[in-house]
């Protein structure tokens, strides 16, 4: 595992210490790694949503009626 040296602001260091003192994590390193994992997962989810939105935007608009769109959606659910 790579070893890093980082500087923290006082409030952030105190928050990390509190988390470790409550036995939620065994060390500040474990906590920082968990926070990074959570951030990476969140970024992956954001990227997935962004890709879906871009695909939807690029598919264009429809002139179908609300009823036609609803019927098509229901038929896709039944497939």
PDB file of N, CA and C in Angstrom:
ATOM      1  N   UNK A   1       0.849  -1.177   0.000  1.00  0.00           N
ATOM      2  CA  UNK A   1       0.000   0.000   0.000  1.00  0.00           C
ATOM      3  C   UNK A   1       0.893   1.238   0.000  1.00  0.00           C
ATOM      4  N   UNK A   2       0.518   2.211  -0.804  1.00  0.00           N
ATOM      5  CA  UNK A   2       1.297   3.448  -0.895  1.00  0.00           C
ATOM      6  C   UNK A   2       1.159   4.257   0.385  1.00  0.00           C
ATOM      7  N   UNK A   3       2.243   4.847   0.787  1.00  0.00           N
ATOM      8  CA  UNK A   3       2.244   5.675   1.989  1.00  0.00           C
ATOM      9  C   UNK A   3       2.293   7.134   1.563  1.00  0.00           C
ATOM     10  N   UNK A   4       1.437   7.941   2.160  1.00  0.00           N
ATOM     11  CA  UNK A   4       1.333   9.352   1.812  1.00  0.00           C
ATOM     12  C   UNK A   4       1.425  10.207   3.066  1.00  0.00           C
ATOM     13  N   UNK A   5       1.856  11.412   2.868  1.00  0.00           N
ATOM     14  CA  UNK A   5       1.864  12.391   3.954  1.00  0.00           C
ATOM     15  C   UNK A   5       0.970  13.537   3.513  1.00  0.00           C
ATOM     16  N   UNK A   6      -0.025  13.861   4.323  1.00  0.00           N
ATOM     17  CA  UNK A   6      -0.932  14.947   3.977  1.00  0.00           C
ATOM     18  C   UNK A   6      -1.049  15.919   5.143  1.00  0.00           C
ATOM     19  N   UNK A   7      -1.400  17.144   4.810  1.00  0.00           N
ATOM     20  CA  UNK A   7      -1.643  18.163   5.828  1.00  0.00           C
ATOM     21  C   UNK A   7      -3.144  18.384   5.925  1.00  0.00           C
ATOM     22  N   UNK A   8      -3.637  18.496   7.153  1.00  0.00           N
ATOM     23  CA  UNK A   8      -5.061  18.690   7.393  1.00  0.00           C
ATOM     24  C   UNK A   8      -5.289  19.985   8.154  1.00  0.00           C
ATOM     25  N   UNK A   9      -6.427  20.589   7.898  1.00  0.00           N
ATOM     26  CA  UNK A   9      -6.785  21.743   8.713  1.00  0.00           C
ATOM     27  C   UNK A   9      -7.143  21.233  10.103  1.00  0.00           C
ATOM     28  N   UNK A  10      -7.081  22.107  11.065  1.00  0.00           N
ATOM     29  CA  UNK A  10      -7.383  21.724  12.454  1.00  0.00           C
ATOM     30  C   UNK A  10      -8.782  21.109  12.597  1.00  0.00           C
ATOM     31  N   UNK A  11      -9.823  21.738  12.016  1.00  0.00           N
ATOM     32  CA  UNK A  11     -11.164  21.130  12.157  1.00  0.00           C
ATOM     33  C   UNK A  11     -11.249  19.739  11.531  1.00  0.00           C
ATOM     34  N   UNK A  12     -10.599  19.548  10.393  1.00  0.00           N
ATOM     35  CA  UNK A  12     -10.642  18.233   9.757  1.00  0.00           C
ATOM     36  C   UNK A  12      -9.889  17.194  10.574  1.00  0.00           C
ATOM     37  N   UNK A  13      -8.752  17.580  11.125  1.00  0.00           N
ATOM     38  CA  UNK A  13      -7.982  16.661  11.962  1.00  0.00           C
ATOM     39  C   UNK A  13      -8.768  16.281  13.218  1.00  0.00           C
ATOM     40  N   UNK A  14      -9.426  17.261  13.820  1.00  0.00           N
ATOM     41  CA  UNK A  14     -10.237  16.982  15.016  1.00  0.00           C
ATOM     42  C   UNK A  14     -11.393  16.044  14.680  1.00  0.00           C
ATOM     43  N   UNK A  15     -12.011  16.256  13.525  1.00  0.00           N
ATOM     44  CA  UNK A  15     -13.126  15.394  13.122  1.00  0.00           C
ATOM     45  C   UNK A  15     -12.636  13.966  12.920  1.00  0.00           C
ATOM     46  N   UNK A  16     -11.480  13.813  12.265  1.00  0.00           N
ATOM     47  CA  UNK A  16     -10.916  12.474  12.067  1.00  0.00           C
ATOM     48  C   UNK A  16     -10.617  11.810  13.406  1.00  0.00           C
ATOM     49  N   UNK A  17     -10.016  12.559  14.311  1.00  0.00           N
ATOM     50  CA  UNK A  17      -9.701  12.012  15.642  1.00  0.00           C
ATOM     51  C   UNK A  17     -10.966  11.564  16.365  1.00  0.00           C
ATOM     52  N   UNK A  18     -12.025  12.362  16.259  1.00  0.00           N
ATOM     53  CA  UNK A  18     -13.287  12.011  16.915  1.00  0.00           C
ATOM     54  C   UNK A  18     -13.838  10.698  16.368  1.00  0.00           C
ATOM     55  N   UNK A  19     -13.777  10.544  15.051  1.00  0.00           N
ATOM     56  CA  UNK A  19     -14.279   9.311  14.437  1.00  0.00           C
ATOM     57  C   UNK A  19     -13.489   8.094  14.923  1.00  0.00           C
ATOM     58  N   UNK A  20     -12.195   8.252  15.032  1.00  0.00           N
ATOM     59  CA  UNK A  20     -11.350   7.155  15.509  1.00  0.00           C
ATOM     60  C   UNK A  20     -11.616   6.898  16.988  1.00  0.00           C
ATOM     61  N   UNK A  21     -11.783   7.956  17.779  1.00  0.00           N
ATOM     62  CA  UNK A  21     -12.023   7.799  19.219  1.00  0.00           C
ATOM     63  C   UNK A  21     -13.358   7.125  19.522  1.00  0.00           C
ATOM     64  N   UNK A  22     -14.327   7.259  18.630  1.00  0.00           N
ATOM     65  CA  UNK A  22     -15.622   6.598  18.854  1.00  0.00           C
ATOM     66  C   UNK A  22     -15.587   5.138  18.405  1.00  0.00           C
ATOM     67  N   UNK A  23     -14.415   4.684  17.992  1.00  0.00           N
ATOM     68  CA  UNK A  23     -14.188   3.290  17.580  1.00  0.00           C
ATOM     69  C   UNK A  23     -14.907   2.932  16.289  1.00  0.00           C
ATOM     70  N   UNK A  24     -15.357   3.970  15.551  1.00  0.00           N
ATOM     71  CA  UNK A  24     -15.977   3.714  14.250  1.00  0.00           C
ATOM     72  C   UNK A  24     -14.916   3.198  13.272  1.00  0.00           C
ATOM     73  N   UNK A  25     -13.710   3.734  13.411  1.00  0.00           N
ATOM     74  CA  UNK A  25     -12.567   3.320  12.598  1.00  0.00           C
ATOM     75  C   UNK A  25     -11.390   3.082  13.517  1.00  0.00           C
ATOM     76  N   UNK A  26     -10.493   2.217  13.080  1.00  0.00           N
ATOM     77  CA  UNK A  26      -9.346   1.913  13.936  1.00  0.00           C
ATOM     78  C   UNK A  26      -8.206   2.913  13.769  1.00  0.00           C
ATOM     79  N   UNK A  27      -8.225   3.668  12.662  1.00  0.00           N
ATOM     80  CA  UNK A  27      -7.167   4.653  12.442  1.00  0.00           C
ATOM     81  C   UNK A  27      -7.661   5.729  11.483  1.00  0.00           C
ATOM     82  N   UNK A  28      -6.942   6.834  11.468  1.00  0.00           N
ATOM     83  CA  UNK A  28      -7.277   7.900  10.524  1.00  0.00           C
ATOM     84  C   UNK A  28      -7.071   7.416   9.090  1.00  0.00           C
ATOM     85  N   UNK A  29      -6.071   6.594   8.860  1.00  0.00           N
ATOM     86  CA  UNK A  29      -5.821   6.063   7.515  1.00  0.00           C
ATOM     87  C   UNK A  29      -7.000   5.242   7.017  1.00  0.00           C
ATOM     88  N   UNK A  30      -7.536   4.412   7.888  1.00  0.00           N
ATOM     89  CA  UNK A  30      -8.692   3.597   7.510  1.00  0.00           C
ATOM     90  C   UNK A  30      -9.875   4.496   7.146  1.00  0.00           C
ATOM     91  N   UNK A  31     -10.081   5.533   7.926  1.00  0.00           N
ATOM     92  CA  UNK A  31     -11.177   6.465   7.676  1.00  0.00           C
ATOM     93  C   UNK A  31     -10.985   7.212   6.361  1.00  0.00           C
ATOM     94  N   UNK A  32      -9.786   7.720   6.120  1.00  0.00           N
ATOM     95  CA  UNK A  32      -9.511   8.446   4.877  1.00  0.00           C
ATOM     96  C   UNK A  32      -9.706   7.525   3.678  1.00  0.00           C
ATOM     97  N   UNK A  33      -9.239   6.288   3.763  1.00  0.00           N
ATOM     98  CA  UNK A  33      -9.444   5.330   2.668  1.00  0.00           C
ATOM     99  C   UNK A  33     -10.929   5.073   2.432  1.00  0.00           C
ATOM    100  N   UNK A  34     -11.709   4.973   3.508  1.00  0.00           N
ATOM    101  CA  UNK A  34     -13.144   4.762   3.364  1.00  0.00           C
ATOM    102  C   UNK A  34     -13.809   5.968   2.704  1.00  0.00           C
ATOM    103  N   UNK A  35     -13.414   7.170   3.099  1.00  0.00           N
ATOM    104  CA  UNK A  35     -13.963   8.376   2.488  1.00  0.00           C
ATOM    105  C   UNK A  35     -13.632   8.444   0.991  1.00  0.00           C
ATOM    106  N   UNK A  36     -12.428   8.047   0.645  1.00  0.00           N
ATOM    107  CA  UNK A  36     -12.039   8.047  -0.770  1.00  0.00           C
ATOM    108  C   UNK A  36     -12.844   7.008  -1.544  1.00  0.00           C
ATOM    109  N   UNK A  37     -13.048   5.824  -0.957  1.00  0.00           N
ATOM    110  CA  UNK A  37     -13.873   4.793  -1.619  1.00  0.00           C
ATOM    111  C   UNK A  37     -15.282   5.316  -1.856  1.00  0.00           C
ATOM    112  N   UNK A  38     -15.849   5.973  -0.844  1.00  0.00           N
ATOM    113  CA  UNK A  38     -17.197   6.523  -0.985  1.00  0.00           C
ATOM    114  C   UNK A  38     -17.247   7.586  -2.080  1.00  0.00           C
ATOM    115  N   UNK A  39     -16.237   8.434  -2.137  1.00  0.00           N
ATOM    116  CA  UNK A  39     -16.193   9.484  -3.160  1.00  0.00           C
ATOM    117  C   UNK A  39     -16.061   8.875  -4.553  1.00  0.00           C
ATOM    118  N   UNK A  40     -15.255   7.819  -4.681  1.00  0.00           N
ATOM    119  CA  UNK A  40     -15.096   7.158  -5.978  1.00  0.00           C
ATOM    120  C   UNK A  40     -16.401   6.508  -6.414  1.00  0.00           C
ATOM    121  N   UNK A  41     -17.104   5.870  -5.481  1.00  0.00           N
ATOM    122  CA  UNK A  41     -18.385   5.245  -5.805  1.00  0.00           C
ATOM    123  C   UNK A  41     -19.392   6.314  -6.226  1.00  0.00           C
ATOM    124  N   UNK A  42     -19.435   7.406  -5.488  1.00  0.00           N
ATOM    125  CA  UNK A  42     -20.354   8.496  -5.811  1.00  0.00           C
ATOM    126  C   UNK A  42     -20.044   9.064  -7.192  1.00  0.00           C
ATOM    127  N   UNK A  43     -18.759   9.219  -7.518  1.00  0.00           N
ATOM    128  CA  UNK A  43     -18.383   9.746  -8.826  1.00  0.00           C
ATOM    129  C   UNK A  43     -18.799   8.787  -9.940  1.00  0.00           C
ATOM    130  N   UNK A  44     -18.665   7.484  -9.698  1.00  0.00           N
ATOM    131  CA  UNK A  44     -19.095   6.495 -10.695  1.00  0.00           C
ATOM    132  C   UNK A  44     -20.598   6.597 -10.934  1.00  0.00           C
ATOM    133  N   UNK A  45     -21.360   6.792  -9.867  1.00  0.00           N
ATOM    134  CA  UNK A  45     -22.809   6.935 -10.003  1.00  0.00           C
ATOM    135  C   UNK A  45     -23.163   8.217 -10.758  1.00  0.00           C
ATOM    136  N   UNK A  46     -22.466   9.297 -10.460  1.00  0.00           N
ATOM    137  CA  UNK A  46     -22.694  10.567 -11.162  1.00  0.00           C
ATOM    138  C   UNK A  46     -22.382  10.402 -12.647  1.00  0.00           C
ATOM    139  N   UNK A  47     -21.279   9.725 -12.962  1.00  0.00           N
ATOM    140  CA  UNK A  47     -20.909   9.501 -14.361  1.00  0.00           C
ATOM    141  C   UNK A  47     -21.967   8.677 -15.082  1.00  0.00           C
ATOM    142  N   UNK A  48     -22.523   7.665 -14.410  1.00  0.00           N
ATOM    143  CA  UNK A  48     -23.565   6.824 -14.998  1.00  0.00           C
ATOM    144  C   UNK A  48     -24.809   7.660 -15.296  1.00  0.00           C
ATOM    145  N   UNK A  49     -25.219   8.475 -14.321  1.00  0.00           N
ATOM    146  CA  UNK A  49     -26.404   9.337 -14.511  1.00  0.00           C
ATOM    147  C   UNK A  49     -26.151  10.333 -15.635  1.00  0.00           C
ATOM    148  N   UNK A  50     -24.970  10.922 -15.656  1.00  0.00           N
ATOM    149  CA  UNK A  50     -24.629  11.896 -16.701  1.00  0.00           C
ATOM    150  C   UNK A  50     -24.706  11.243 -18.088  1.00  0.00           C
ATOM    151  N   UNK A  51     -24.193  10.026 -18.207  1.00  0.00           N
ATOM    152  CA  UNK A  51     -24.240   9.321 -19.491  1.00  0.00           C
ATOM    153  C   UNK A  51     -25.682   9.054 -19.908  1.00  0.00           C
ATOM    154  N   UNK A  52     -26.529   8.660 -18.961  1.00  0.00           N
ATOM    155  CA  UNK A  52     -27.944   8.425 -19.264  1.00  0.00           C
ATOM    156  C   UNK A  52     -28.620   9.712 -19.715  1.00  0.00           C
ATOM    157  N   UNK A  53     -28.333  10.818 -19.031  1.00  0.00           N
ATOM    158  CA  UNK A  53     -28.927  12.101 -19.400  1.00  0.00           C
ATOM    159  C   UNK A  53     -28.466  12.547 -20.788  1.00  0.00           C
ATOM    160  N   UNK A  54     -27.185  12.383 -21.068  1.00  0.00           N
ATOM    161  CA  UNK A  54     -26.666  12.764 -22.380  1.00  0.00           C
ATOM    162  C   UNK A  54     -27.302  11.929 -23.478  1.00  0.00           C
ATOM    163  N   UNK A  55     -27.466  10.626 -23.237  1.00  0.00           N
ATOM    164  CA  UNK A  55     -28.103   9.747 -24.215  1.00  0.00           C
ATOM    165  C   UNK A  55     -29.544  10.197 -24.453  1.00  0.00           C
ATOM    166  N   UNK A  56     -30.243  10.517 -23.380  1.00  0.00           N
ATOM    167  CA  UNK A  56     -31.635  10.964 -23.508  1.00  0.00           C
ATOM    168  C   UNK A  56     -31.713  12.288 -24.262  1.00  0.00           C
ATOM    169  N   UNK A  57     -30.824  13.211 -23.953  1.00  0.00           N
ATOM    170  CA  UNK A  57     -30.822  14.507 -24.632  1.00  0.00           C
ATOM    171  C   UNK A  57     -30.509  14.355 -26.123  1.00  0.00           C
ATOM    172  N   UNK A  58     -29.613  13.439 -26.445  1.00  0.00           N
ATOM    173  CA  UNK A  58     -29.217  13.241 -27.834  1.00  0.00           C
ATOM    174  C   UNK A  58     -30.248  12.453 -28.641  1.00  0.00           C
ATOM    175  N   UNK A  59     -31.189  11.826 -27.963  1.00  0.00           N
ATOM    176  CA  UNK A  59     -32.199  11.036 -28.686  1.00  0.00           C
ATOM    177  C   UNK A  59     -33.261  11.922 -29.315  1.00  0.00           C
ATOM    178  N   UNK A  60     -33.305  13.166 -28.931  1.00  0.00           N
ATOM    179  CA  UNK A  60     -34.230  14.110 -29.538  1.00  0.00           C
ATOM    180  C   UNK A  60     -35.569  14.162 -28.838  1.00  0.00           C
ATOM    181  N   UNK A  61     -36.470  14.921 -29.474  1.00  0.00           N
ATOM    182  CA  UNK A  61     -37.800  15.121 -28.923  1.00  0.00           C
ATOM    183  C   UNK A  61     -38.795  14.266 -29.682  1.00  0.00           C
ATOM    184  N   UNK A  62     -39.950  14.100 -29.106  1.00  0.00           N
ATOM    185  CA  UNK A  62     -41.004  13.322 -29.744  1.00  0.00           C
ATOM    186  C   UNK A  62     -42.235  14.189 -29.932  1.00  0.00           C
ATOM    187  N   UNK A  63     -42.988  13.839 -30.925  1.00  0.00           N
ATOM    188  CA  UNK A  63     -44.264  14.527 -31.134  1.00  0.00           C
ATOM    189  C   UNK A  63     -45.424  13.631 -30.707  1.00  0.00           C
ATOM    190  N   UNK A  64     -45.079  12.475 -30.091  1.00  0.00           N
ATOM    191  CA  UNK A  64     -46.113  11.559 -29.601  1.00  0.00           C
ATOM    192  C   UNK A  64     -46.922  12.217 -28.491  1.00  0.00           C
ATOM    193  N   UNK A  65     -48.160  11.803 -28.381  1.00  0.00           N
ATOM    194  CA  UNK A  65     -49.025  12.316 -27.320  1.00  0.00           C
ATOM    195  C   UNK A  65     -48.642  11.674 -25.987  1.00  0.00           C
ATOM    196  N   UNK A  66     -49.143  12.261 -24.906  1.00  0.00           N
ATOM    197  CA  UNK A  66     -48.894  11.696 -23.574  1.00  0.00           C
ATOM    198  C   UNK A  66     -49.418  10.272 -23.499  1.00  0.00           C
ATOM    199  N   UNK A  67     -50.577  10.040 -24.071  1.00  0.00           N
ATOM    200  CA  UNK A  67     -51.184   8.708 -24.047  1.00  0.00           C
ATOM    201  C   UNK A  67     -50.314   7.705 -24.803  1.00  0.00           C
ATOM    202  N   UNK A  68     -49.764   8.116 -25.933  1.00  0.00           N
ATOM    203  CA  UNK A  68     -48.913   7.215 -26.711  1.00  0.00           C
ATOM    204  C   UNK A  68     -47.625   6.893 -25.956  1.00  0.00           C
ATOM    205  N   UNK A  69     -47.056   7.898 -25.313  1.00  0.00           N
ATOM    206  CA  UNK A  69     -45.829   7.682 -24.532  1.00  0.00           C
ATOM    207  C   UNK A  69     -46.117   6.739 -23.372  1.00  0.00           C
ATOM    208  N   UNK A  70     -47.246   6.941 -22.703  1.00  0.00           N
ATOM    209  CA  UNK A  70     -47.621   6.083 -21.585  1.00  0.00           C
ATOM    210  C   UNK A  70     -47.836   4.648 -22.058  1.00  0.00           C
ATOM    211  N   UNK A  71     -48.522   4.475 -23.174  1.00  0.00           N
ATOM    212  CA  UNK A  71     -48.779   3.134 -23.713  1.00  0.00           C
ATOM    213  C   UNK A  71     -47.467   2.438 -24.069  1.00  0.00           C
ATOM    214  N   UNK A  72     -46.545   3.186 -24.677  1.00  0.00           N
ATOM    215  CA  UNK A  72     -45.259   2.602 -25.040  1.00  0.00           C
ATOM    216  C   UNK A  72     -44.475   2.203 -23.785  1.00  0.00           C
ATOM    217  N   UNK A  73     -44.495   3.038 -22.771  1.00  0.00           N
ATOM    218  CA  UNK A  73     -43.798   2.733 -21.520  1.00  0.00           C
ATOM    219  C   UNK A  73     -44.363   1.480 -20.875  1.00  0.00           C
ATOM    220  N   UNK A  74     -45.703   1.375 -20.860  1.00  0.00           N
ATOM    221  CA  UNK A  74     -46.355   0.197 -20.258  1.00  0.00           C
ATOM    222  C   UNK A  74     -46.009  -1.069 -21.045  1.00  0.00           C
ATOM    223  N   UNK A  75     -45.954  -0.967 -22.361  1.00  0.00           N
ATOM    224  CA  UNK A  75     -45.640  -2.143 -23.160  1.00  0.00           C
ATOM    225  C   UNK A  75     -44.210  -2.618 -22.905  1.00  0.00           C
ATOM    226  N   UNK A  76     -43.296  -1.669 -22.658  1.00  0.00           N
ATOM    227  CA  UNK A  76     -41.911  -2.038 -22.348  1.00  0.00           C
ATOM    228  C   UNK A  76     -41.801  -2.743 -21.008  1.00  0.00           C
ATOM    229  N   UNK A  77     -42.669  -2.370 -20.071  1.00  0.00           N
ATOM    230  CA  UNK A  77     -42.673  -3.013 -18.748  1.00  0.00           C
ATOM    231  C   UNK A  77     -43.164  -4.456 -18.841  1.00  0.00           C
ATOM    232  N   UNK A  78     -44.045  -4.718 -19.773  1.00  0.00           N
ATOM    233  CA  UNK A  78     -44.633  -6.058 -19.919  1.00  0.00           C
ATOM    234  C   UNK A  78     -43.763  -6.998 -20.721  1.00  0.00           C
ATOM    235  N   UNK A  79     -42.720  -6.508 -21.358  1.00  0.00           N
ATOM    236  CA  UNK A  79     -41.835  -7.366 -22.163  1.00  0.00           C
ATOM    237  C   UNK A  79     -40.943  -8.214 -21.306  1.00  0.00           C
TER     238      UNK A  79
END
